[in-house]
PDB file of N, CA and C in Angstrom:
ATOM      1  N   MET A   1       0.384  11.351 -14.524  1.00  0.00           N
ATOM      2  CA  MET A   1       0.812  11.236 -12.844  1.00  0.00           C
ATOM      3  C   MET A   1       0.313   9.314 -12.598  1.00  0.00           C
ATOM      4  N   LYS A   2      -0.588   9.288 -13.710  1.00  0.00           N
ATOM      5  CA  LYS A   2      -1.576   8.115 -13.326  1.00  0.00           C
ATOM      6  C   LYS A   2      -0.635   6.860 -13.742  1.00  0.00           C
ATOM      7  N   HIS A   3      -0.507   7.167 -15.651  1.00  0.00           N
ATOM      8  CA  HIS A   3       0.662   6.045 -15.356  1.00  0.00           C
ATOM      9  C   HIS A   3       1.749   6.066 -14.846  1.00  0.00           C
ATOM     10  N   THR A   4       2.740   7.194 -14.210  1.00  0.00           N
ATOM     11  CA  THR A   4       3.307   6.662 -13.513  1.00  0.00           C
ATOM     12  C   THR A   4       2.953   6.333 -12.070  1.00  0.00           C
ATOM     13  N   VAL A   5       1.905   5.949 -11.609  1.00  0.00           N
ATOM     14  CA  VAL A   5       1.971   5.105 -10.329  1.00  0.00           C
ATOM     15  C   VAL A   5       1.992   4.005 -10.428  1.00  0.00           C
ATOM     16  N   TRP A   6       1.499   3.620 -11.577  1.00  0.00           N
ATOM     17  CA  TRP A   6       1.699   2.430 -12.697  1.00  0.00           C
ATOM     18  C   TRP A   6       3.034   1.323 -12.658  1.00  0.00           C
ATOM     19  N   ILE A   7       3.817   1.988 -13.641  1.00  0.00           N
ATOM     20  CA  ILE A   7       5.066   2.072 -14.122  1.00  0.00           C
ATOM     21  C   ILE A   7       5.802   1.985 -12.728  1.00  0.00           C
ATOM     22  N   ILE A   8       5.605   2.535 -11.195  1.00  0.00           N
ATOM     23  CA  ILE A   8       6.621   2.547 -10.235  1.00  0.00           C
ATOM     24  C   ILE A   8       6.188   1.533  -9.148  1.00  0.00           C
ATOM     25  N   GLY A   9       4.626   1.469  -9.893  1.00  0.00           N
ATOM     26  CA  GLY A   9       4.224  -0.034  -8.451  1.00  0.00           C
ATOM     27  C   GLY A   9       4.465  -1.250  -9.273  1.00  0.00           C
ATOM     28  N   SER A  10       4.607  -1.438 -10.894  1.00  0.00           N
ATOM     29  CA  SER A  10       5.017  -2.560 -11.087  1.00  0.00           C
ATOM     30  C   SER A  10       5.958  -3.099 -10.751  1.00  0.00           C
ATOM     31  N   VAL A  11       7.124  -1.803 -10.736  1.00  0.00           N
ATOM     32  CA  VAL A  11       8.922  -2.310 -10.627  1.00  0.00           C
ATOM     33  C   VAL A  11       8.806  -2.098  -9.598  1.00  0.00           C
ATOM     34  N   LEU A  12       8.369  -2.077  -8.766  1.00  0.00           N
ATOM     35  CA  LEU A  12       8.311  -1.560  -7.509  1.00  0.00           C
ATOM     36  C   LEU A  12       7.527  -3.573  -6.799  1.00  0.00           C
ATOM     37  N   LEU A  13       7.004  -4.489  -7.118  1.00  0.00           N
ATOM     38  CA  LEU A  13       6.201  -5.650  -7.290  1.00  0.00           C
ATOM     39  C   LEU A  13       7.058  -6.400  -7.583  1.00  0.00           C
ATOM     40  N   ALA A  14       7.641  -6.309  -8.929  1.00  0.00           N
ATOM     41  CA  ALA A  14       8.649  -7.347  -9.909  1.00  0.00           C
ATOM     42  C   ALA A  14       9.538  -7.900  -8.874  1.00  0.00           C
ATOM     43  N   PHE A  15      10.409  -6.411  -8.687  1.00  0.00           N
ATOM     44  CA  PHE A  15      11.490  -6.153  -7.678  1.00  0.00           C
ATOM     45  C   PHE A  15      11.502  -6.996  -6.275  1.00  0.00           C
ATOM     46  N   ASN A  16      10.699  -6.729  -6.112  1.00  0.00           N
ATOM     47  CA  ASN A  16       9.946  -7.029  -4.329  1.00  0.00           C
ATOM     48  C   ASN A  16       9.779  -8.940  -4.819  1.00  0.00           C
ATOM     49  N   THR A  17       9.322  -9.482  -5.492  1.00  0.00           N
ATOM     50  CA  THR A  17       8.943 -11.046  -6.175  1.00  0.00           C
ATOM     51  C   THR A  17      10.095 -11.525  -6.710  1.00  0.00           C
ATOM     52  N   LEU A  18      10.953 -10.702  -7.922  1.00  0.00           N
ATOM     53  CA  LEU A  18      11.959 -11.258  -7.782  1.00  0.00           C
ATOM     54  C   LEU A  18      13.266 -11.461  -6.671  1.00  0.00           C
ATOM     55  N   ILE A  19      13.793 -11.106  -5.934  1.00  0.00           N
ATOM     56  CA  ILE A  19      14.430 -10.860  -4.510  1.00  0.00           C
ATOM     57  C   ILE A  19      13.736 -11.393  -3.280  1.00  0.00           C
ATOM     58  N   GLY A  20      12.196 -11.852  -3.498  1.00  0.00           N
ATOM     59  CA  GLY A  20      11.389 -12.993  -3.000  1.00  0.00           C
ATOM     60  C   GLY A  20      11.925 -14.160  -3.581  1.00  0.00           C
ATOM     61  N   LEU A  21      12.016 -14.688  -4.670  1.00  0.00           N
ATOM     62  CA  LEU A  21      12.594 -16.022  -5.800  1.00  0.00           C
ATOM     63  C   LEU A  21      13.934 -16.038  -5.620  1.00  0.00           C
ATOM     64  N   VAL A  22      14.529 -15.249  -5.119  1.00  0.00           N
ATOM     65  CA  VAL A  22      16.336 -15.349  -4.971  1.00  0.00           C
ATOM     66  C   VAL A  22      16.827 -15.580  -3.900  1.00  0.00           C
ATOM     67  N   VAL A  23      16.245 -14.742  -2.627  1.00  0.00           N
ATOM     68  CA  VAL A  23      17.133 -14.782  -1.720  1.00  0.00           C
ATOM     69  C   VAL A  23      16.283 -15.889  -0.934  1.00  0.00           C
ATOM     70  N   SER A  24      17.244 -16.708  -0.595  1.00  0.00           N
ATOM     71  CA  SER A  24      16.477 -18.232   0.590  1.00  0.00           C
ATOM     72  C   SER A  24      15.359 -17.597   2.480  1.00  0.00           C
ATOM     73  N   PHE A  25      16.768 -16.741   3.044  1.00  0.00           N
ATOM     74  CA  PHE A  25      15.533 -16.348   3.874  1.00  0.00           C
ATOM     75  C   PHE A  25      14.867 -15.160   3.615  1.00  0.00           C
ATOM     76  N   TYR A  26      13.891 -15.360   2.891  1.00  0.00           N
ATOM     77  CA  TYR A  26      12.526 -14.255   2.689  1.00  0.00           C
ATOM     78  C   TYR A  26      11.590 -15.271   2.261  1.00  0.00           C
ATOM     79  N   PRO A  27      10.936 -15.616   3.027  1.00  0.00           N
ATOM     80  CA  PRO A  27       9.654 -17.069   2.790  1.00  0.00           C
ATOM     81  C   PRO A  27       8.893 -16.342   2.266  1.00  0.00           C
ATOM     82  N   PRO A  28       8.237 -16.845   1.836  1.00  0.00           N
ATOM     83  CA  PRO A  28       7.155 -16.371   0.919  1.00  0.00           C
ATOM     84  C   PRO A  28       6.411 -16.319   1.008  1.00  0.00           C
ATOM     85  N   PHE A  29       5.698 -17.002   2.382  1.00  0.00           N
ATOM     86  CA  PHE A  29       4.697 -16.098   3.686  1.00  0.00           C
ATOM     87  C   PHE A  29       5.057 -14.117   3.272  1.00  0.00           C
ATOM     88  N   ASN A  30       6.340 -14.168   3.798  1.00  0.00           N
ATOM     89  CA  ASN A  30       6.689 -12.313   3.406  1.00  0.00           C
ATOM     90  C   ASN A  30       6.783 -12.304   2.400  1.00  0.00           C
ATOM     91  N   TYR A  31       6.643 -12.362   1.355  1.00  0.00           N
ATOM     92  CA  TYR A  31       7.122 -11.566  -0.329  1.00  0.00           C
ATOM     93  C   TYR A  31       5.346 -11.618  -0.474  1.00  0.00           C
ATOM     94  N   LEU A  32       4.684 -12.508  -0.235  1.00  0.00           N
ATOM     95  CA  LEU A  32       3.216 -12.449  -1.273  1.00  0.00           C
ATOM     96  C   LEU A  32       2.550 -12.148  -0.783  1.00  0.00           C
ATOM     97  N   LEU A  33       2.902 -11.739   1.198  1.00  0.00           N
ATOM     98  CA  LEU A  33       1.916  -9.673   2.055  1.00  0.00           C
ATOM     99  C   LEU A  33       2.348  -9.110   1.357  1.00  0.00           C
ATOM    100  N   ALA A  34       4.334  -8.276   1.568  1.00  0.00           N
ATOM    101  CA  ALA A  34       4.567  -7.404   0.602  1.00  0.00           C
ATOM    102  C   ALA A  34       4.230  -7.212  -0.630  1.00  0.00           C
ATOM    103  N   ASP A  35       4.232  -8.111  -2.062  1.00  0.00           N
ATOM    104  CA  ASP A  35       3.369  -7.548  -3.124  1.00  0.00           C
ATOM    105  C   ASP A  35       1.791  -7.127  -2.679  1.00  0.00           C
ATOM    106  N   GLY A  36       1.521  -7.996  -1.946  1.00  0.00           N
ATOM    107  CA  GLY A  36       0.027  -7.298  -1.471  1.00  0.00           C
ATOM    108  C   GLY A  36      -0.050  -6.320  -1.019  1.00  0.00           C
ATOM    109  N   SER A  37       1.264  -5.569  -0.956  1.00  0.00           N
ATOM    110  CA  SER A  37       0.978  -4.553   0.111  1.00  0.00           C
ATOM    111  C   SER A  37       0.864  -3.114  -1.469  1.00  0.00           C
ATOM    112  N   ILE A  38       2.032  -4.231  -1.510  1.00  0.00           N
ATOM    113  CA  ILE A  38       2.529  -3.312  -2.286  1.00  0.00           C
ATOM    114  C   ILE A  38       1.613  -2.539  -4.059  1.00  0.00           C
ATOM    115  N   LEU A  39       0.620  -3.255  -4.059  1.00  0.00           N
ATOM    116  CA  LEU A  39      -0.551  -3.883  -5.214  1.00  0.00           C
ATOM    117  C   LEU A  39      -1.557  -2.812  -4.854  1.00  0.00           C
ATOM    118  N   LEU A  40      -2.256  -2.846  -2.942  1.00  0.00           N
ATOM    119  CA  LEU A  40      -3.511  -1.517  -2.495  1.00  0.00           C
ATOM    120  C   LEU A  40      -2.573  -0.647  -2.522  1.00  0.00           C
ATOM    121  N   SER A  41      -0.915  -0.648  -1.950  1.00  0.00           N
ATOM    122  CA  SER A  41      -0.479   0.734  -2.405  1.00  0.00           C
ATOM    123  C   SER A  41      -0.758   1.654  -3.568  1.00  0.00           C
ATOM    124  N   THR A  42      -0.752   0.767  -4.668  1.00  0.00           N
ATOM    125  CA  THR A  42      -0.603   1.140  -5.674  1.00  0.00           C
ATOM    126  C   THR A  42      -2.115   1.748  -6.431  1.00  0.00           C
ATOM    127  N   LEU A  43      -2.570   1.254  -6.012  1.00  0.00           N
ATOM    128  CA  LEU A  43      -4.143   0.902  -6.901  1.00  0.00           C
ATOM    129  C   LEU A  43      -4.772   2.348  -5.290  1.00  0.00           C
ATOM    130  N   LEU A  44      -4.365   2.408  -3.963  1.00  0.00           N
ATOM    131  CA  LEU A  44      -4.589   3.830  -3.416  1.00  0.00           C
ATOM    132  C   LEU A  44      -4.165   5.044  -3.756  1.00  0.00           C
ATOM    133  N   ILE A  45      -3.245   4.968  -4.440  1.00  0.00           N
ATOM    134  CA  ILE A  45      -2.779   6.418  -4.758  1.00  0.00           C
ATOM    135  C   ILE A  45      -3.164   6.261  -6.652  1.00  0.00           C
ATOM    136  N   TYR A  46      -3.156   5.325  -7.334  1.00  0.00           N
ATOM    137  CA  TYR A  46      -4.149   5.388  -8.019  1.00  0.00           C
ATOM    138  C   TYR A  46      -5.194   5.984  -8.627  1.00  0.00           C
ATOM    139  N   LEU A  47      -6.136   5.444  -6.661  1.00  0.00           N
ATOM    140  CA  LEU A  47      -7.410   5.984  -6.644  1.00  0.00           C
ATOM    141  C   LEU A  47      -8.063   7.897  -6.730  1.00  0.00           C
ATOM    142  N   THR A  48      -6.315   7.231  -5.742  1.00  0.00           N
ATOM    143  CA  THR A  48      -6.677   8.993  -4.931  1.00  0.00           C
ATOM    144  C   THR A  48      -6.331   9.475  -6.233  1.00  0.00           C
ATOM    145  N   SER A  49      -5.374   9.754  -7.783  1.00  0.00           N
ATOM    146  CA  SER A  49      -4.937  10.821  -8.929  1.00  0.00           C
ATOM    147  C   SER A  49      -5.861  11.052  -9.840  1.00  0.00           C
ATOM    148  N   ALA A  50      -6.501   9.798 -10.019  1.00  0.00           N
ATOM    149  CA  ALA A  50      -7.821   9.972 -10.228  1.00  0.00           C
ATOM    150  C   ALA A  50      -9.221  10.201  -9.969  1.00  0.00           C
ATOM    151  N   SER A  51      -9.553  10.327  -8.837  1.00  0.00           N
ATOM    152  CA  SER A  51     -10.223  10.971  -7.868  1.00  0.00           C
ATOM    153  C   SER A  51     -11.081  12.217  -8.642  1.00  0.00           C
ATOM    154  N   HIS A  52     -11.814  12.928  -8.167  1.00  0.00           N
ATOM    155  CA  HIS A  52     -12.345  14.406  -8.504  1.00  0.00           C
ATOM    156  C   HIS A  52     -12.013  14.770  -7.770  1.00  0.00           C
ATOM    157  N   LEU A  53     -11.111  14.646  -6.919  1.00  0.00           N
ATOM    158  CA  LEU A  53     -11.293  14.947  -5.143  1.00  0.00           C
ATOM    159  C   LEU A  53     -10.148  16.507  -5.824  1.00  0.00           C
ATOM    160  N   ASP A  54     -10.184  17.661  -5.311  1.00  0.00           N
ATOM    161  CA  ASP A  54      -9.466  18.830  -5.015  1.00  0.00           C
ATOM    162  C   ASP A  54      -8.048  18.395  -5.069  1.00  0.00           C
ATOM    163  N   ASP A  55      -7.526  19.389  -5.485  1.00  0.00           N
ATOM    164  CA  ASP A  55      -5.552  19.286  -5.897  1.00  0.00           C
ATOM    165  C   ASP A  55      -5.113  18.907  -4.559  1.00  0.00           C
ATOM    166  N   GLY A  56      -5.452  19.911  -3.889  1.00  0.00           N
ATOM    167  CA  GLY A  56      -4.098  19.794  -2.483  1.00  0.00           C
ATOM    168  C   GLY A  56      -4.436  18.126  -1.367  1.00  0.00           C
ATOM    169  N   TYR A  57      -6.518  17.225  -1.873  1.00  0.00           N
ATOM    170  CA  TYR A  57      -6.210  16.483  -1.210  1.00  0.00           C
ATOM    171  C   TYR A  57      -5.532  15.371  -1.760  1.00  0.00           C
ATOM    172  N   LYS A  58      -4.843  15.271  -3.044  1.00  0.00           N
ATOM    173  CA  LYS A  58      -4.952  14.670  -4.069  1.00  0.00           C
ATOM    174  C   LYS A  58      -3.389  14.257  -3.480  1.00  0.00           C
ATOM    175  N   ILE A  59      -2.848  15.484  -3.791  1.00  0.00           N
ATOM    176  CA  ILE A  59      -1.550  15.466  -2.801  1.00  0.00           C
ATOM    177  C   ILE A  59      -1.129  15.041  -1.528  1.00  0.00           C
ATOM    178  N   GLY A  60      -1.716  15.206  -0.667  1.00  0.00           N
ATOM    179  CA  GLY A  60      -1.251  14.704   0.285  1.00  0.00           C
ATOM    180  C   GLY A  60      -1.696  13.482   1.063  1.00  0.00           C
ATOM    181  N   LEU A  61      -2.991  12.662  -0.221  1.00  0.00           N
ATOM    182  CA  LEU A  61      -3.423  11.720   0.203  1.00  0.00           C
ATOM    183  C   LEU A  61      -2.318  11.017  -0.488  1.00  0.00           C
ATOM    184  N   GLY A  62      -1.824  11.367  -1.231  1.00  0.00           N
ATOM    185  CA  GLY A  62      -0.829  10.883  -2.333  1.00  0.00           C
ATOM    186  C   GLY A  62       0.676  10.084  -1.215  1.00  0.00           C
ATOM    187  N   TRP A  63       0.965  11.356  -0.792  1.00  0.00           N
ATOM    188  CA  TRP A  63       1.621  11.336   0.141  1.00  0.00           C
ATOM    189  C   TRP A  63       1.667  10.650   1.856  1.00  0.00           C
ATOM    190  N   LEU A  64       0.841  10.354   1.621  1.00  0.00           N
ATOM    191  CA  LEU A  64       0.383   9.646   3.122  1.00  0.00           C
ATOM    192  C   LEU A  64       0.144   8.174   2.817  1.00  0.00           C
ATOM    193  N   PHE A  65      -0.014   7.975   1.765  1.00  0.00           N
ATOM    194  CA  PHE A  65      -0.449   6.475   1.148  1.00  0.00           C
ATOM    195  C   PHE A  65       0.988   6.090   1.220  1.00  0.00           C
ATOM    196  N   SER A  66       1.910   6.864   0.398  1.00  0.00           N
ATOM    197  CA  SER A  66       3.014   6.218  -0.334  1.00  0.00           C
ATOM    198  C   SER A  66       3.871   5.949   1.147  1.00  0.00           C
ATOM    199  N   PHE A  67       3.862   7.340   2.316  1.00  0.00           N
ATOM    200  CA  PHE A  67       4.654   6.510   3.221  1.00  0.00           C
ATOM    201  C   PHE A  67       3.900   5.289   4.297  1.00  0.00           C
ATOM    202  N   THR A  68       2.427   5.661   4.615  1.00  0.00           N
ATOM    203  CA  THR A  68       1.809   4.168   4.659  1.00  0.00           C
ATOM    204  C   THR A  68       1.747   3.054   4.199  1.00  0.00           C
ATOM    205  N   GLY A  69       1.948   3.599   2.836  1.00  0.00           N
ATOM    206  CA  GLY A  69       2.327   2.101   2.596  1.00  0.00           C
ATOM    207  C   GLY A  69       3.960   1.447   2.845  1.00  0.00           C
ATOM    208  N   LEU A  70       4.503   2.266   2.416  1.00  0.00           N
ATOM    209  CA  LEU A  70       5.757   2.075   2.995  1.00  0.00           C
ATOM    210  C   LEU A  70       5.657   1.094   4.366  1.00  0.00           C
ATOM    211  N   VAL A  71       5.022   1.614   5.301  1.00  0.00           N
ATOM    212  CA  VAL A  71       5.631   0.962   6.587  1.00  0.00           C
ATOM    213  C   VAL A  71       4.990  -0.155   6.579  1.00  0.00           C
ATOM    214  N   ARG A  72       3.612   0.016   6.104  1.00  0.00           N
ATOM    215  CA  ARG A  72       2.527  -1.362   5.868  1.00  0.00           C
ATOM    216  C   ARG A  72       3.650  -2.426   5.244  1.00  0.00           C
ATOM    217  N   THR A  73       4.586  -2.213   4.322  1.00  0.00           N
ATOM    218  CA  THR A  73       5.324  -3.576   2.938  1.00  0.00           C
ATOM    219  C   THR A  73       6.319  -4.137   4.446  1.00  0.00           C
ATOM    220  N   LEU A  74       6.806  -2.825   5.255  1.00  0.00           N
ATOM    221  CA  LEU A  74       8.209  -3.392   5.900  1.00  0.00           C
ATOM    222  C   LEU A  74       7.313  -4.160   7.142  1.00  0.00           C
ATOM    223  N   CYS A  75       6.431  -3.581   7.849  1.00  0.00           N
ATOM    224  CA  CYS A  75       5.761  -4.759   8.352  1.00  0.00           C
ATOM    225  C   CYS A  75       5.693  -6.391   7.994  1.00  0.00           C
ATOM    226  N   CYS A  76       5.375  -6.164   6.405  1.00  0.00           N
ATOM    227  CA  CYS A  76       4.072  -7.443   5.549  1.00  0.00           C
ATOM    228  C   CYS A  76       6.189  -8.246   4.874  1.00  0.00           C
ATOM    229  N   MET A  77       7.093  -7.888   5.131  1.00  0.00           N
ATOM    230  CA  MET A  77       8.299  -7.891   5.176  1.00  0.00           C
ATOM    231  C   MET A  77       9.012  -8.507   6.911  1.00  0.00           C
ATOM    232  N   PHE A  78       8.993  -8.043   7.198  1.00  0.00           N
ATOM    233  CA  PHE A  78       9.615  -8.859   8.141  1.00  0.00           C
ATOM    234  C   PHE A  78       8.718  -9.614   9.793  1.00  0.00           C
ATOM    235  N   MET A  79       7.192  -9.484   9.291  1.00  0.00           N
ATOM    236  CA  MET A  79       6.212 -10.110   9.791  1.00  0.00           C
ATOM    237  C   MET A  79       6.864 -11.637  10.108  1.00  0.00           C
ATOM    238  N   PRO A  80       6.310 -12.308  11.901  1.00  0.00           N
ATOM    239  CA  PRO A  80       6.787 -13.358  11.631  1.00  0.00           C
ATOM    240  C   PRO A  80       5.496 -14.806  10.961  1.00  0.00           C
ATOM    241  N   GLN A  81       6.103 -15.944  10.885  1.00  0.00           N
ATOM    242  CA  GLN A  81       5.106 -16.225   9.867  1.00  0.00           C
ATOM    243  C   GLN A  81       4.003 -17.452   9.504  1.00  0.00           C
ATOM    244  N   GLN A  82       3.621 -17.256  11.287  1.00  0.00           N
ATOM    245  CA  GLN A  82       2.369 -17.527  11.553  1.00  0.00           C
ATOM    246  C   GLN A  82       1.421 -16.391  12.066  1.00  0.00           C
ATOM    247  N   THR A  83       0.536 -16.278  11.920  1.00  0.00           N
ATOM    248  CA  THR A  83      -0.878 -15.804  11.688  1.00  0.00           C
ATOM    249  C   THR A  83      -0.758 -15.813  13.015  1.00  0.00           C
ATOM    250  N   GLU A  84      -1.046 -16.312  14.449  1.00  0.00           N
ATOM    251  CA  GLU A  84      -1.294 -16.469  15.712  1.00  0.00           C
ATOM    252  C   GLU A  84      -0.444 -15.501  16.032  1.00  0.00           C
ATOM    253  N   ASN A  85      -1.181 -15.170  16.888  1.00  0.00           N
ATOM    254  CA  ASN A  85      -0.821 -13.728  18.113  1.00  0.00           C
ATOM    255  C   ASN A  85       0.421 -13.211  16.851  1.00  0.00           C
ATOM    256  N   ASN A  86       0.422 -12.625  16.223  1.00  0.00           N
ATOM    257  CA  ASN A  86       1.465 -11.904  15.057  1.00  0.00           C
ATOM    258  C   ASN A  86       0.791 -10.137  15.152  1.00  0.00           C
ATOM    259  N   PHE A  87       1.614  -9.929  15.749  1.00  0.00           N
ATOM    260  CA  PHE A  87       1.286  -8.469  16.324  1.00  0.00           C
ATOM    261  C   PHE A  87       1.350  -7.240  14.345  1.00  0.00           C
ATOM    262  N   LEU A  88       2.897  -7.669  13.937  1.00  0.00           N
ATOM    263  CA  LEU A  88       2.948  -6.683  12.722  1.00  0.00           C
ATOM    264  C   LEU A  88       1.805  -6.305  11.986  1.00  0.00           C
ATOM    265  N   LEU A  89       1.235  -7.933  11.576  1.00  0.00           N
ATOM    266  CA  LEU A  89      -0.888  -7.947  10.854  1.00  0.00           C
ATOM    267  C   LEU A  89      -1.167  -7.440  11.452  1.00  0.00           C
ATOM    268  N   VAL A  90      -1.759  -7.145  12.733  1.00  0.00           N
ATOM    269  CA  VAL A  90      -2.862  -6.570  13.043  1.00  0.00           C
ATOM    270  C   VAL A  90      -2.397  -5.028  12.935  1.00  0.00           C
ATOM    271  N   VAL A  91      -0.559  -4.504  12.957  1.00  0.00           N
ATOM    272  CA  VAL A  91      -0.499  -3.094  12.330  1.00  0.00           C
ATOM    273  C   VAL A  91      -0.476  -2.865  11.585  1.00  0.00           C
ATOM    274  N   ALA A  92      -0.481  -4.082  10.735  1.00  0.00           N
ATOM    275  CA  ALA A  92      -0.616  -3.331   8.975  1.00  0.00           C
ATOM    276  C   ALA A  92      -2.203  -3.697   8.426  1.00  0.00           C
ATOM    277  N   GLY A  93      -2.619  -4.780   9.116  1.00  0.00           N
ATOM    278  CA  GLY A  93      -4.346  -4.554   9.021  1.00  0.00           C
ATOM    279  C   GLY A  93      -4.473  -3.048   9.580  1.00  0.00           C
ATOM    280  N   GLY A  94      -4.450  -2.503  10.298  1.00  0.00           N
ATOM    281  CA  GLY A  94      -4.751  -1.121  11.268  1.00  0.00           C
ATOM    282  C   GLY A  94      -4.377  -0.370   9.852  1.00  0.00           C
ATOM    283  N   ILE A  95      -3.180  -0.125   9.734  1.00  0.00           N
ATOM    284  CA  ILE A  95      -2.775   0.663   8.745  1.00  0.00           C
ATOM    285  C   ILE A  95      -3.994   1.213   7.665  1.00  0.00           C
ATOM    286  N   LEU A  96      -4.086  -0.092   6.503  1.00  0.00           N
ATOM    287  CA  LEU A  96      -4.826  -0.686   5.907  1.00  0.00           C
ATOM    288  C   LEU A  96      -6.621   0.004   6.090  1.00  0.00           C
ATOM    289  N   LEU A  97      -7.126   0.103   7.331  1.00  0.00           N
ATOM    290  CA  LEU A  97      -8.136   0.559   7.988  1.00  0.00           C
ATOM    291  C   LEU A  97      -8.089   1.748   7.575  1.00  0.00           C
ATOM    292  N   PHE A  98      -6.213   2.676   8.497  1.00  0.00           N
ATOM    293  CA  PHE A  98      -6.251   3.723   8.424  1.00  0.00           C
ATOM    294  C   PHE A  98      -6.404   4.634   6.347  1.00  0.00           C
ATOM    295  N   GLU A  99      -5.788   3.937   5.723  1.00  0.00           N
ATOM    296  CA  GLU A  99      -5.965   4.323   4.687  1.00  0.00           C
ATOM    297  C   GLU A  99      -6.734   3.734   4.239  1.00  0.00           C
ATOM    298  N   ILE A 100      -7.955   2.826   3.930  1.00  0.00           N
ATOM    299  CA  ILE A 100      -9.242   3.296   3.420  1.00  0.00           C
ATOM    300  C   ILE A 100     -10.327   4.673   4.799  1.00  0.00           C
ATOM    301  N   VAL A 101      -9.902   4.872   5.285  1.00  0.00           N
ATOM    302  CA  VAL A 101     -11.601   5.505   5.756  1.00  0.00           C
ATOM    303  C   VAL A 101     -10.416   6.852   5.064  1.00  0.00           C
ATOM    304  N   CYS A 102      -9.244   6.935   4.988  1.00  0.00           N
ATOM    305  CA  CYS A 102      -9.091   8.562   4.827  1.00  0.00           C
ATOM    306  C   CYS A 102      -8.959   9.049   3.300  1.00  0.00           C
ATOM    307  N   MET A 103      -9.133   7.361   2.471  1.00  0.00           N
ATOM    308  CA  MET A 103     -10.118   8.265   1.820  1.00  0.00           C
ATOM    309  C   MET A 103     -11.198   8.015   1.304  1.00  0.00           C
ATOM    310  N   ALA A 104     -12.230   7.346   2.445  1.00  0.00           N
ATOM    311  CA  ALA A 104     -13.553   7.020   1.968  1.00  0.00           C
ATOM    312  C   ALA A 104     -14.019   9.276   2.360  1.00  0.00           C
ATOM    313  N   VAL A 105     -12.885   9.456   3.672  1.00  0.00           N
ATOM    314  CA  VAL A 105     -13.962  10.300   4.001  1.00  0.00           C
ATOM    315  C   VAL A 105     -13.627  12.124   3.378  1.00  0.00           C
ATOM    316  N   PRO A 106     -12.894  11.912   2.867  1.00  0.00           N
ATOM    317  CA  PRO A 106     -12.661  13.028   1.462  1.00  0.00           C
ATOM    318  C   PRO A 106     -13.826  12.997   0.564  1.00  0.00           C
ATOM    319  N   LEU A 107     -13.952  11.416   0.190  1.00  0.00           N
ATOM    320  CA  LEU A 107     -14.445  11.162  -0.838  1.00  0.00           C
ATOM    321  C   LEU A 107     -16.119  11.513  -0.936  1.00  0.00           C
ATOM    322  N   SER A 108     -16.092  11.199   0.363  1.00  0.00           N
ATOM    323  CA  SER A 108     -17.824  10.922   0.770  1.00  0.00           C
ATOM    324  C   SER A 108     -18.549  12.968   1.042  1.00  0.00           C
ATOM    325  N   LEU A 109     -17.344  13.681   1.729  1.00  0.00           N
ATOM    326  CA  LEU A 109     -17.273  15.345   1.735  1.00  0.00           C
ATOM    327  C   LEU A 109     -17.307  16.152   1.016  1.00  0.00           C
ATOM    328  N   SER A 110     -16.557  15.567  -0.817  1.00  0.00           N
ATOM    329  CA  SER A 110     -16.253  16.246  -2.140  1.00  0.00           C
ATOM    330  C   SER A 110     -17.470  17.074  -2.389  1.00  0.00           C
ATOM    331  N   LYS A 111     -17.202  17.843  -2.416  1.00  0.00           N
ATOM    332  CA  LYS A 111     -18.418  18.772  -3.515  1.00  0.00           C
ATOM    333  C   LYS A 111     -18.847  18.483  -5.092  1.00  0.00           C
ATOM    334  N   ASN A 112     -17.497  17.840  -5.558  1.00  0.00           N
ATOM    335  CA  ASN A 112     -17.667  17.422  -6.987  1.00  0.00           C
ATOM    336  C   ASN A 112     -17.713  16.036  -7.114  1.00  0.00           C
ATOM    337  N   LYS A 113     -19.333  15.695  -6.532  1.00  0.00           N
ATOM    338  CA  LYS A 113     -19.435  14.549  -6.561  1.00  0.00           C
ATOM    339  C   LYS A 113     -20.442  14.580  -8.694  1.00  0.00           C
TER     340      LYS A 113
END
């Protein structure tokens, strides 16, 4: 599972970067943010699967991080290029904060430290 996460994340990252370099209406600001989002999602899913959490937490958090990573990546792909008054940037940051809290809480409450 851990190896598969890296392969899928690498393929998605390469595909997004390739699309960003080829398609003229996909600005570098957006595809670089989307690349960062894909990297973060891949890292969170890998850390979840490699952790000492129970299997139920691993499965649930894996699905949650996949969904929130998709939403965060879509926000990064379609957000305006300026950072001032950028609602989608705030949403993407809020989703990332939510993911970090969802990862930290089970790790801190786990019995298998």
